[in-house]
Amino acid sequence: MLKCDSTDCLHNDKEGKCFAKHIAIDGRSAQTTAETVCSSYVSDHDFQNYEFAEDFMGFNATPANEQNITCAAQNCKYNVGQACVATKVKINSEDASCETFES
């Protein structure tokens, strides 16, 4: 299950579901959650063209899941070959960090 609390992200349906086609977690040498970031995050405050946003998400879009996640956080125990293998992933609402990160 993927849970995103970052409700100001363009990909978030405001109910915790992410509709990004691909999710990328950055933080190559991260040692803590705060050093990670969902680089797929797009602020809906900064995004001006909402018509494009509807096209981007698609009318028949399906929520993202763990198989849609690549991870550059080399020190995370859930990173296997730059793919996330966690069964549950949570993105923080404050800074779009990966709350699931564990070294």
PDB file of N, CA and C in Angstrom:
ATOM      1  N   MET A   1       0.833  -1.183   0.000  1.00  0.00           N
ATOM      2  CA  MET A   1       0.000   0.000   0.000  1.00  0.00           C
ATOM      3  C   MET A   1       0.880   1.251   0.000  1.00  0.00           C
ATOM      4  N   LEU A   2       0.565   2.182  -0.845  1.00  0.00           N
ATOM      5  CA  LEU A   2       1.272   3.454  -0.908  1.00  0.00           C
ATOM      6  C   LEU A   2       0.384   4.524  -0.303  1.00  0.00           C
ATOM      7  N   LYS A   3       0.908   5.281   0.640  1.00  0.00           N
ATOM      8  CA  LYS A   3       0.144   6.340   1.293  1.00  0.00           C
ATOM      9  C   LYS A   3       0.946   7.623   1.205  1.00  0.00           C
ATOM     10  N   CYS A   4       0.362   8.636   0.582  1.00  0.00           N
ATOM     11  CA  CYS A   4       1.023   9.929   0.485  1.00  0.00           C
ATOM     12  C   CYS A   4       0.235  10.962   1.263  1.00  0.00           C
ATOM     13  N   ASP A   5       0.877  11.532   2.280  1.00  0.00           N
ATOM     14  CA  ASP A   5       0.231  12.570   3.085  1.00  0.00           C
ATOM     15  C   ASP A   5       0.508  13.971   2.553  1.00  0.00           C
ATOM     16  N   SER A   6       1.282  14.065   1.492  1.00  0.00           N
ATOM     17  CA  SER A   6       1.623  15.364   0.929  1.00  0.00           C
ATOM     18  C   SER A   6       0.479  15.853   0.040  1.00  0.00           C
ATOM     19  N   THR A   7      -0.562  16.365   0.667  1.00  0.00           N
ATOM     20  CA  THR A   7      -1.797  16.712  -0.041  1.00  0.00           C
ATOM     21  C   THR A   7      -1.660  17.913  -0.973  1.00  0.00           C
ATOM     22  N   ASP A   8      -0.535  18.625  -0.913  1.00  0.00           N
ATOM     23  CA  ASP A   8      -0.360  19.733  -1.852  1.00  0.00           C
ATOM     24  C   ASP A   8       0.433  19.298  -3.082  1.00  0.00           C
ATOM     25  N   CYS A   9       0.583  17.980  -3.277  1.00  0.00           N
ATOM     26  CA  CYS A   9       1.246  17.465  -4.473  1.00  0.00           C
ATOM     27  C   CYS A   9       0.205  17.253  -5.562  1.00  0.00           C
ATOM     28  N   LEU A  10       0.556  17.623  -6.752  1.00  0.00           N
ATOM     29  CA  LEU A  10      -0.326  17.505  -7.907  1.00  0.00           C
ATOM     30  C   LEU A  10      -0.801  16.065  -8.128  1.00  0.00           C
ATOM     31  N   HIS A  11       0.029  15.087  -7.785  1.00  0.00           N
ATOM     32  CA  HIS A  11      -0.303  13.680  -8.017  1.00  0.00           C
ATOM     33  C   HIS A  11      -1.233  13.097  -6.951  1.00  0.00           C
ATOM     34  N   ASN A  12      -1.404  13.802  -5.831  1.00  0.00           N
ATOM     35  CA  ASN A  12      -2.192  13.294  -4.711  1.00  0.00           C
ATOM     36  C   ASN A  12      -3.661  13.665  -4.891  1.00  0.00           C
ATOM     37  N   ASP A  13      -4.545  12.684  -4.687  1.00  0.00           N
ATOM     38  CA  ASP A  13      -5.983  12.941  -4.846  1.00  0.00           C
ATOM     39  C   ASP A  13      -6.603  13.552  -3.590  1.00  0.00           C
ATOM     40  N   LYS A  14      -5.792  13.974  -2.651  1.00  0.00           N
ATOM     41  CA  LYS A  14      -6.199  14.607  -1.392  1.00  0.00           C
ATOM     42  C   LYS A  14      -6.817  13.615  -0.420  1.00  0.00           C
ATOM     43  N   GLU A  15      -6.774  12.320  -0.782  1.00  0.00           N
ATOM     44  CA  GLU A  15      -7.228  11.259   0.117  1.00  0.00           C
ATOM     45  C   GLU A  15      -6.089  10.288   0.413  1.00  0.00           C
ATOM     46  N   GLY A  16      -4.866  10.662   0.006  1.00  0.00           N
ATOM     47  CA  GLY A  16      -3.709   9.849   0.285  1.00  0.00           C
ATOM     48  C   GLY A  16      -3.294   8.915  -0.833  1.00  0.00           C
ATOM     49  N   LYS A  17      -3.998   8.949  -1.960  1.00  0.00           N
ATOM     50  CA  LYS A  17      -3.629   8.108  -3.097  1.00  0.00           C
ATOM     51  C   LYS A  17      -2.782   8.926  -4.066  1.00  0.00           C
ATOM     52  N   CYS A  18      -1.714   8.308  -4.543  1.00  0.00           N
ATOM     53  CA  CYS A  18      -0.824   8.952  -5.507  1.00  0.00           C
ATOM     54  C   CYS A  18      -1.135   8.424  -6.898  1.00  0.00           C
ATOM     55  N   PHE A  19      -1.233   9.329  -7.856  1.00  0.00           N
ATOM     56  CA  PHE A  19      -1.531   8.944  -9.230  1.00  0.00           C
ATOM     57  C   PHE A  19      -0.374   9.215 -10.188  1.00  0.00           C
ATOM     58  N   ALA A  20       0.839   9.351  -9.648  1.00  0.00           N
ATOM     59  CA  ALA A  20       2.014   9.500 -10.505  1.00  0.00           C
ATOM     60  C   ALA A  20       2.257   8.172 -11.216  1.00  0.00           C
ATOM     61  N   LYS A  21       2.637   8.249 -12.477  1.00  0.00           N
ATOM     62  CA  LYS A  21       2.924   7.015 -13.222  1.00  0.00           C
ATOM     63  C   LYS A  21       4.186   6.348 -12.702  1.00  0.00           C
ATOM     64  N   HIS A  22       5.093   7.139 -12.185  1.00  0.00           N
ATOM     65  CA  HIS A  22       6.347   6.628 -11.645  1.00  0.00           C
ATOM     66  C   HIS A  22       6.733   7.488 -10.449  1.00  0.00           C
ATOM     67  N   ILE A  23       7.199   6.869  -9.400  1.00  0.00           N
ATOM     68  CA  ILE A  23       7.625   7.576  -8.197  1.00  0.00           C
ATOM     69  C   ILE A  23       9.114   7.331  -8.006  1.00  0.00           C
ATOM     70  N   ALA A  24       9.855   8.399  -7.775  1.00  0.00           N
ATOM     71  CA  ALA A  24      11.296   8.287  -7.572  1.00  0.00           C
ATOM     72  C   ALA A  24      11.658   8.886  -6.218  1.00  0.00           C
ATOM     73  N   ILE A  25      12.330   8.092  -5.408  1.00  0.00           N
ATOM     74  CA  ILE A  25      12.813   8.560  -4.114  1.00  0.00           C
ATOM     75  C   ILE A  25      14.304   8.849  -4.254  1.00  0.00           C
ATOM     76  N   ASP A  26      14.695  10.069  -3.873  1.00  0.00           N
ATOM     77  CA  ASP A  26      16.094  10.472  -3.918  1.00  0.00           C
ATOM     78  C   ASP A  26      16.651  10.550  -2.502  1.00  0.00           C
ATOM     79  N   GLY A  27      17.950  10.603  -2.431  1.00  0.00           N
ATOM     80  CA  GLY A  27      18.662  10.666  -1.162  1.00  0.00           C
ATOM     81  C   GLY A  27      19.746   9.610  -1.156  1.00  0.00           C
ATOM     82  N   ARG A  28      20.562   9.633  -2.185  1.00  0.00           N
ATOM     83  CA  ARG A  28      21.568   8.592  -2.423  1.00  0.00           C
ATOM     84  C   ARG A  28      22.322   8.193  -1.166  1.00  0.00           C
ATOM     85  N   SER A  29      22.828   9.146  -0.415  1.00  0.00           N
ATOM     86  CA  SER A  29      23.606   8.808   0.782  1.00  0.00           C
ATOM     87  C   SER A  29      22.843   9.103   2.065  1.00  0.00           C
ATOM     88  N   ALA A  30      21.525   9.122   1.997  1.00  0.00           N
ATOM     89  CA  ALA A  30      20.689   9.418   3.167  1.00  0.00           C
ATOM     90  C   ALA A  30      20.963   8.449   4.309  1.00  0.00           C
ATOM     91  N   GLN A  31      20.997   8.995   5.497  1.00  0.00           N
ATOM     92  CA  GLN A  31      21.132   8.199   6.719  1.00  0.00           C
ATOM     93  C   GLN A  31      19.853   8.277   7.553  1.00  0.00           C
ATOM     94  N   THR A  32      18.999   9.267   7.236  1.00  0.00           N
ATOM     95  CA  THR A  32      17.752   9.467   7.974  1.00  0.00           C
ATOM     96  C   THR A  32      16.618   9.757   6.986  1.00  0.00           C
ATOM     97  N   THR A  33      15.405   9.644   7.464  1.00  0.00           N
ATOM     98  CA  THR A  33      14.227   9.961   6.660  1.00  0.00           C
ATOM     99  C   THR A  33      14.301  11.379   6.100  1.00  0.00           C
ATOM    100  N   ALA A  34      14.734  12.324   6.930  1.00  0.00           N
ATOM    101  CA  ALA A  34      14.784  13.733   6.521  1.00  0.00           C
ATOM    102  C   ALA A  34      15.714  13.968   5.334  1.00  0.00           C
ATOM    103  N   GLU A  35      16.629  13.056   5.077  1.00  0.00           N
ATOM    104  CA  GLU A  35      17.569  13.206   3.966  1.00  0.00           C
ATOM    105  C   GLU A  35      17.049  12.567   2.680  1.00  0.00           C
ATOM    106  N   THR A  36      15.815  12.063   2.709  1.00  0.00           N
ATOM    107  CA  THR A  36      15.191  11.493   1.511  1.00  0.00           C
ATOM    108  C   THR A  36      14.148  12.467   0.985  1.00  0.00           C
ATOM    109  N   VAL A  37      13.765  12.289  -0.268  1.00  0.00           N
ATOM    110  CA  VAL A  37      12.718  13.136  -0.835  1.00  0.00           C
ATOM    111  C   VAL A  37      12.072  12.412  -2.012  1.00  0.00           C
ATOM    112  N   CYS A  38      10.780  12.578  -2.129  1.00  0.00           N
ATOM    113  CA  CYS A  38      10.062  12.069  -3.289  1.00  0.00           C
ATOM    114  C   CYS A  38      10.293  13.085  -4.406  1.00  0.00           C
ATOM    115  N   SER A  39      11.154  12.736  -5.359  1.00  0.00           N
ATOM    116  CA  SER A  39      11.476  13.691  -6.419  1.00  0.00           C
ATOM    117  C   SER A  39      10.369  13.780  -7.466  1.00  0.00           C
ATOM    118  N   SER A  40       9.350  12.949  -7.334  1.00  0.00           N
ATOM    119  CA  SER A  40       8.185  13.019  -8.221  1.00  0.00           C
ATOM    120  C   SER A  40       7.190  14.076  -7.749  1.00  0.00           C
ATOM    121  N   TYR A  41       7.416  14.609  -6.551  1.00  0.00           N
ATOM    122  CA  TYR A  41       6.545  15.628  -5.974  1.00  0.00           C
ATOM    123  C   TYR A  41       6.472  16.849  -6.881  1.00  0.00           C
ATOM    124  N   VAL A  42       5.261  17.302  -7.147  1.00  0.00           N
ATOM    125  CA  VAL A  42       5.017  18.523  -7.914  1.00  0.00           C
ATOM    126  C   VAL A  42       3.994  19.330  -7.129  1.00  0.00           C
ATOM    127  N   SER A  43       4.376  20.499  -6.670  1.00  0.00           N
ATOM    128  CA  SER A  43       3.468  21.319  -5.872  1.00  0.00           C
ATOM    129  C   SER A  43       2.309  21.815  -6.720  1.00  0.00           C
ATOM    130  N   ASP A  44       1.095  21.585  -6.252  1.00  0.00           N
ATOM    131  CA  ASP A  44      -0.056  22.084  -7.006  1.00  0.00           C
ATOM    132  C   ASP A  44      -0.189  23.601  -6.856  1.00  0.00           C
ATOM    133  N   HIS A  45       0.547  24.191  -5.916  1.00  0.00           N
ATOM    134  CA  HIS A  45       0.547  25.653  -5.777  1.00  0.00           C
ATOM    135  C   HIS A  45       1.393  26.304  -6.866  1.00  0.00           C
ATOM    136  N   ASP A  46       2.438  25.592  -7.278  1.00  0.00           N
ATOM    137  CA  ASP A  46       3.332  26.123  -8.303  1.00  0.00           C
ATOM    138  C   ASP A  46       2.888  25.767  -9.711  1.00  0.00           C
ATOM    139  N   PHE A  47       1.996  24.812  -9.819  1.00  0.00           N
ATOM    140  CA  PHE A  47       1.587  24.321 -11.126  1.00  0.00           C
ATOM    141  C   PHE A  47       0.435  25.174 -11.647  1.00  0.00           C
ATOM    142  N   GLN A  48       0.625  25.849 -12.746  1.00  0.00           N
ATOM    143  CA  GLN A  48      -0.348  26.819 -13.233  1.00  0.00           C
ATOM    144  C   GLN A  48      -1.394  26.234 -14.174  1.00  0.00           C
ATOM    145  N   ASN A  49      -1.054  25.211 -14.918  1.00  0.00           N
ATOM    146  CA  ASN A  49      -1.949  24.716 -15.958  1.00  0.00           C
ATOM    147  C   ASN A  49      -2.714  23.488 -15.472  1.00  0.00           C
ATOM    148  N   TYR A  50      -3.865  23.711 -14.825  1.00  0.00           N
ATOM    149  CA  TYR A  50      -4.624  22.606 -14.244  1.00  0.00           C
ATOM    150  C   TYR A  50      -5.284  21.739 -15.308  1.00  0.00           C
ATOM    151  N   GLU A  51      -5.523  22.279 -16.493  1.00  0.00           N
ATOM    152  CA  GLU A  51      -6.057  21.458 -17.579  1.00  0.00           C
ATOM    153  C   GLU A  51      -5.045  20.372 -17.932  1.00  0.00           C
ATOM    154  N   PHE A  52      -3.762  20.751 -17.977  1.00  0.00           N
ATOM    155  CA  PHE A  52      -2.704  19.772 -18.214  1.00  0.00           C
ATOM    156  C   PHE A  52      -2.671  18.754 -17.080  1.00  0.00           C
ATOM    157  N   ALA A  53      -2.909  19.201 -15.862  1.00  0.00           N
ATOM    158  CA  ALA A  53      -2.882  18.294 -14.706  1.00  0.00           C
ATOM    159  C   ALA A  53      -3.908  17.184 -14.885  1.00  0.00           C
ATOM    160  N   GLU A  54      -5.099  17.501 -15.368  1.00  0.00           N
ATOM    161  CA  GLU A  54      -6.112  16.480 -15.604  1.00  0.00           C
ATOM    162  C   GLU A  54      -5.645  15.502 -16.671  1.00  0.00           C
ATOM    163  N   ASP A  55      -5.030  16.003 -17.729  1.00  0.00           N
ATOM    164  CA  ASP A  55      -4.497  15.129 -18.770  1.00  0.00           C
ATOM    165  C   ASP A  55      -3.370  14.265 -18.216  1.00  0.00           C
ATOM    166  N   PHE A  56      -2.555  14.861 -17.361  1.00  0.00           N
ATOM    167  CA  PHE A  56      -1.412  14.165 -16.795  1.00  0.00           C
ATOM    168  C   PHE A  56      -1.852  12.986 -15.936  1.00  0.00           C
ATOM    169  N   MET A  57      -2.866  13.213 -15.099  1.00  0.00           N
ATOM    170  CA  MET A  57      -3.364  12.148 -14.238  1.00  0.00           C
ATOM    171  C   MET A  57      -4.260  11.188 -15.011  1.00  0.00           C
ATOM    172  N   GLY A  58      -4.958  11.699 -15.985  1.00  0.00           N
ATOM    173  CA  GLY A  58      -5.821  10.847 -16.797  1.00  0.00           C
ATOM    174  C   GLY A  58      -7.148  10.589 -16.103  1.00  0.00           C
ATOM    175  N   PHE A  59      -8.183  10.438 -16.890  1.00  0.00           N
ATOM    176  CA  PHE A  59      -9.505  10.209 -16.328  1.00  0.00           C
ATOM    177  C   PHE A  59      -9.665   8.778 -15.825  1.00  0.00           C
ATOM    178  N   ASN A  60      -8.916   7.844 -16.386  1.00  0.00           N
ATOM    179  CA  ASN A  60      -9.005   6.449 -15.978  1.00  0.00           C
ATOM    180  C   ASN A  60      -7.741   6.016 -15.240  1.00  0.00           C
ATOM    181  N   ALA A  61      -7.094   6.960 -14.602  1.00  0.00           N
ATOM    182  CA  ALA A  61      -5.842   6.661 -13.913  1.00  0.00           C
ATOM    183  C   ALA A  61      -6.079   5.727 -12.735  1.00  0.00           C
ATOM    184  N   THR A  62      -5.077   4.922 -12.442  1.00  0.00           N
ATOM    185  CA  THR A  62      -5.137   4.048 -11.280  1.00  0.00           C
ATOM    186  C   THR A  62      -4.077   4.511 -10.293  1.00  0.00           C
ATOM    187  N   PRO A  63      -4.338   4.341  -9.009  1.00  0.00           N
ATOM    188  CA  PRO A  63      -3.365   4.780  -8.007  1.00  0.00           C
ATOM    189  C   PRO A  63      -2.034   4.043  -8.153  1.00  0.00           C
ATOM    190  N   ALA A  64      -0.962   4.737  -7.828  1.00  0.00           N
ATOM    191  CA  ALA A  64       0.369   4.144  -7.858  1.00  0.00           C
ATOM    192  C   ALA A  64       0.485   3.107  -6.747  1.00  0.00           C
ATOM    193  N   ASN A  65       1.429   2.215  -6.902  1.00  0.00           N
ATOM    194  CA  ASN A  65       1.698   1.241  -5.852  1.00  0.00           C
ATOM    195  C   ASN A  65       3.210   1.075  -5.715  1.00  0.00           C
ATOM    196  N   GLU A  66       3.644   0.190  -4.835  1.00  0.00           N
ATOM    197  CA  GLU A  66       5.061   0.020  -4.558  1.00  0.00           C
ATOM    198  C   GLU A  66       5.864  -0.381  -5.796  1.00  0.00           C
ATOM    199  N   GLN A  67       5.259  -1.043  -6.747  1.00  0.00           N
ATOM    200  CA  GLN A  67       5.974  -1.453  -7.951  1.00  0.00           C
ATOM    201  C   GLN A  67       6.320  -0.267  -8.844  1.00  0.00           C
ATOM    202  N   ASN A  68       5.728   0.900  -8.605  1.00  0.00           N
ATOM    203  CA  ASN A  68       5.999   2.104  -9.378  1.00  0.00           C
ATOM    204  C   ASN A  68       7.150   2.924  -8.798  1.00  0.00           C
ATOM    205  N   ILE A  69       7.819   2.425  -7.763  1.00  0.00           N
ATOM    206  CA  ILE A  69       8.806   3.222  -7.037  1.00  0.00           C
ATOM    207  C   ILE A  69      10.239   2.776  -7.328  1.00  0.00           C
ATOM    208  N   THR A  70      11.055   3.735  -7.770  1.00  0.00           N
ATOM    209  CA  THR A  70      12.490   3.506  -7.804  1.00  0.00           C
ATOM    210  C   THR A  70      13.093   4.283  -6.643  1.00  0.00           C
ATOM    211  N   CYS A  71      14.195   3.780  -6.128  1.00  0.00           N
ATOM    212  CA  CYS A  71      14.781   4.392  -4.940  1.00  0.00           C
ATOM    213  C   CYS A  71      16.283   4.521  -5.094  1.00  0.00           C
ATOM    214  N   ALA A  72      16.781   5.728  -4.872  1.00  0.00           N
ATOM    215  CA  ALA A  72      18.221   5.984  -4.943  1.00  0.00           C
ATOM    216  C   ALA A  72      18.866   5.970  -3.559  1.00  0.00           C
ATOM    217  N   ALA A  73      18.071   5.798  -2.500  1.00  0.00           N
ATOM    218  CA  ALA A  73      18.595   5.798  -1.126  1.00  0.00           C
ATOM    219  C   ALA A  73      19.337   4.493  -0.872  1.00  0.00           C
ATOM    220  N   GLN A  74      20.635   4.501  -1.135  1.00  0.00           N
ATOM    221  CA  GLN A  74      21.449   3.293  -1.059  1.00  0.00           C
ATOM    222  C   GLN A  74      21.484   2.656   0.327  1.00  0.00           C
ATOM    223  N   ASN A  75      21.262   3.449   1.368  1.00  0.00           N
ATOM    224  CA  ASN A  75      21.346   2.928   2.732  1.00  0.00           C
ATOM    225  C   ASN A  75      20.014   2.416   3.274  1.00  0.00           C
ATOM    226  N   CYS A  76      18.983   2.440   2.471  1.00  0.00           N
ATOM    227  CA  CYS A  76      17.678   1.973   2.938  1.00  0.00           C
ATOM    228  C   CYS A  76      17.587   0.455   2.769  1.00  0.00           C
ATOM    229  N   LYS A  77      17.111  -0.222   3.798  1.00  0.00           N
ATOM    230  CA  LYS A  77      17.030  -1.688   3.736  1.00  0.00           C
ATOM    231  C   LYS A  77      15.990  -2.169   2.730  1.00  0.00           C
ATOM    232  N   TYR A  78      15.073  -1.279   2.316  1.00  0.00           N
ATOM    233  CA  TYR A  78      14.043  -1.653   1.349  1.00  0.00           C
ATOM    234  C   TYR A  78      14.473  -1.414  -0.102  1.00  0.00           C
ATOM    235  N   ASN A  79      15.672  -0.865  -0.294  1.00  0.00           N
ATOM    236  CA  ASN A  79      16.198  -0.616  -1.630  1.00  0.00           C
ATOM    237  C   ASN A  79      16.936  -1.867  -2.109  1.00  0.00           C
ATOM    238  N   VAL A  80      16.382  -2.522  -3.102  1.00  0.00           N
ATOM    239  CA  VAL A  80      17.022  -3.699  -3.688  1.00  0.00           C
ATOM    240  C   VAL A  80      17.172  -3.430  -5.178  1.00  0.00           C
ATOM    241  N   GLY A  81      18.406  -3.188  -5.590  1.00  0.00           N
ATOM    242  CA  GLY A  81      18.651  -2.893  -7.000  1.00  0.00           C
ATOM    243  C   GLY A  81      17.944  -1.640  -7.471  1.00  0.00           C
ATOM    244  N   GLN A  82      17.879  -0.636  -6.620  1.00  0.00           N
ATOM    245  CA  GLN A  82      17.212   0.650  -6.859  1.00  0.00           C
ATOM    246  C   GLN A  82      15.705   0.526  -7.037  1.00  0.00           C
ATOM    247  N   ALA A  83      15.138  -0.547  -6.525  1.00  0.00           N
ATOM    248  CA  ALA A  83      13.683  -0.713  -6.497  1.00  0.00           C
ATOM    249  C   ALA A  83      13.258  -0.824  -5.038  1.00  0.00           C
ATOM    250  N   CYS A  84      12.129  -0.237  -4.713  1.00  0.00           N
ATOM    251  CA  CYS A  84      11.608  -0.311  -3.357  1.00  0.00           C
ATOM    252  C   CYS A  84      10.873  -1.642  -3.175  1.00  0.00           C
ATOM    253  N   VAL A  85      11.220  -2.384  -2.126  1.00  0.00           N
ATOM    254  CA  VAL A  85      10.564  -3.663  -1.862  1.00  0.00           C
ATOM    255  C   VAL A  85       9.719  -3.631  -0.586  1.00  0.00           C
ATOM    256  N   ALA A  86       9.495  -2.444  -0.038  1.00  0.00           N
ATOM    257  CA  ALA A  86       8.656  -2.324   1.156  1.00  0.00           C
ATOM    258  C   ALA A  86       7.207  -2.651   0.807  1.00  0.00           C
ATOM    259  N   THR A  87       6.495  -3.261   1.738  1.00  0.00           N
ATOM    260  CA  THR A  87       5.090  -3.591   1.492  1.00  0.00           C
ATOM    261  C   THR A  87       4.180  -2.400   1.762  1.00  0.00           C
ATOM    262  N   LYS A  88       4.677  -1.441   2.559  1.00  0.00           N
ATOM    263  CA  LYS A  88       3.932  -0.213   2.822  1.00  0.00           C
ATOM    264  C   LYS A  88       4.902   0.948   2.704  1.00  0.00           C
ATOM    265  N   VAL A  89       4.494   1.989   1.999  1.00  0.00           N
ATOM    266  CA  VAL A  89       5.335   3.169   1.814  1.00  0.00           C
ATOM    267  C   VAL A  89       4.510   4.399   2.156  1.00  0.00           C
ATOM    268  N   LYS A  90       5.116   5.309   2.927  1.00  0.00           N
ATOM    269  CA  LYS A  90       4.415   6.537   3.307  1.00  0.00           C
ATOM    270  C   LYS A  90       5.305   7.743   2.999  1.00  0.00           C
ATOM    271  N   ILE A  91       4.720   8.731   2.323  1.00  0.00           N
ATOM    272  CA  ILE A  91       5.406   9.982   2.013  1.00  0.00           C
ATOM    273  C   ILE A  91       4.902  11.056   2.970  1.00  0.00           C
ATOM    274  N   ASN A  92       5.826  11.788   3.565  1.00  0.00           N
ATOM    275  CA  ASN A  92       5.532  12.802   4.574  1.00  0.00           C
ATOM    276  C   ASN A  92       4.847  14.031   3.981  1.00  0.00           C
ATOM    277  N   SER A  93       3.913  14.596   4.726  1.00  0.00           N
ATOM    278  CA  SER A  93       3.160  15.764   4.250  1.00  0.00           C
ATOM    279  C   SER A  93       3.970  17.054   4.297  1.00  0.00           C
ATOM    280  N   GLU A  94       4.931  17.153   5.193  1.00  0.00           N
ATOM    281  CA  GLU A  94       5.659  18.399   5.390  1.00  0.00           C
ATOM    282  C   GLU A  94       6.737  18.648   4.334  1.00  0.00           C
ATOM    283  N   ASP A  95       7.509  17.604   4.030  1.00  0.00           N
ATOM    284  CA  ASP A  95       8.666  17.824   3.169  1.00  0.00           C
ATOM    285  C   ASP A  95       8.815  16.774   2.059  1.00  0.00           C
ATOM    286  N   ALA A  96       7.802  15.960   1.854  1.00  0.00           N
ATOM    287  CA  ALA A  96       7.793  14.912   0.822  1.00  0.00           C
ATOM    288  C   ALA A  96       8.925  13.907   1.001  1.00  0.00           C
ATOM    289  N   SER A  97       9.350  13.712   2.260  1.00  0.00           N
ATOM    290  CA  SER A  97      10.370  12.700   2.535  1.00  0.00           C
ATOM    291  C   SER A  97       9.720  11.322   2.612  1.00  0.00           C
ATOM    292  N   CYS A  98      10.540  10.300   2.487  1.00  0.00           N
ATOM    293  CA  CYS A  98      10.041   8.927   2.551  1.00  0.00           C
ATOM    294  C   CYS A  98      10.063   8.460   3.989  1.00  0.00           C
ATOM    295  N   GLU A  99       8.892   8.351   4.609  1.00  0.00           N
ATOM    296  CA  GLU A  99       8.769   7.936   5.999  1.00  0.00           C
ATOM    297  C   GLU A  99       9.128   6.470   6.201  1.00  0.00           C
ATOM    298  N   THR A 100       9.211   5.716   5.131  1.00  0.00           N
ATOM    299  CA  THR A 100       9.471   4.275   5.215  1.00  0.00           C
ATOM    300  C   THR A 100      10.965   3.982   5.288  1.00  0.00           C
ATOM    301  N   PHE A 101      11.792   4.975   5.020  1.00  0.00           N
ATOM    302  CA  PHE A 101      13.250   4.801   5.017  1.00  0.00           C
ATOM    303  C   PHE A 101      13.715   4.160   6.324  1.00  0.00           C
ATOM    304  N   GLU A 102      14.515   3.112   6.187  1.00  0.00           N
ATOM    305  CA  GLU A 102      15.162   2.460   7.335  1.00  0.00           C
ATOM    306  C   GLU A 102      16.538   2.025   6.913  1.00  0.00           C
ATOM    307  N   SER A 103      17.547   2.409   7.711  1.00  0.00           N
ATOM    308  CA  SER A 103      18.910   2.000   7.370  1.00  0.00           C
ATOM    309  C   SER A 103      19.272   0.691   8.024  1.00  0.00           C
TER     310      SER A 103
END
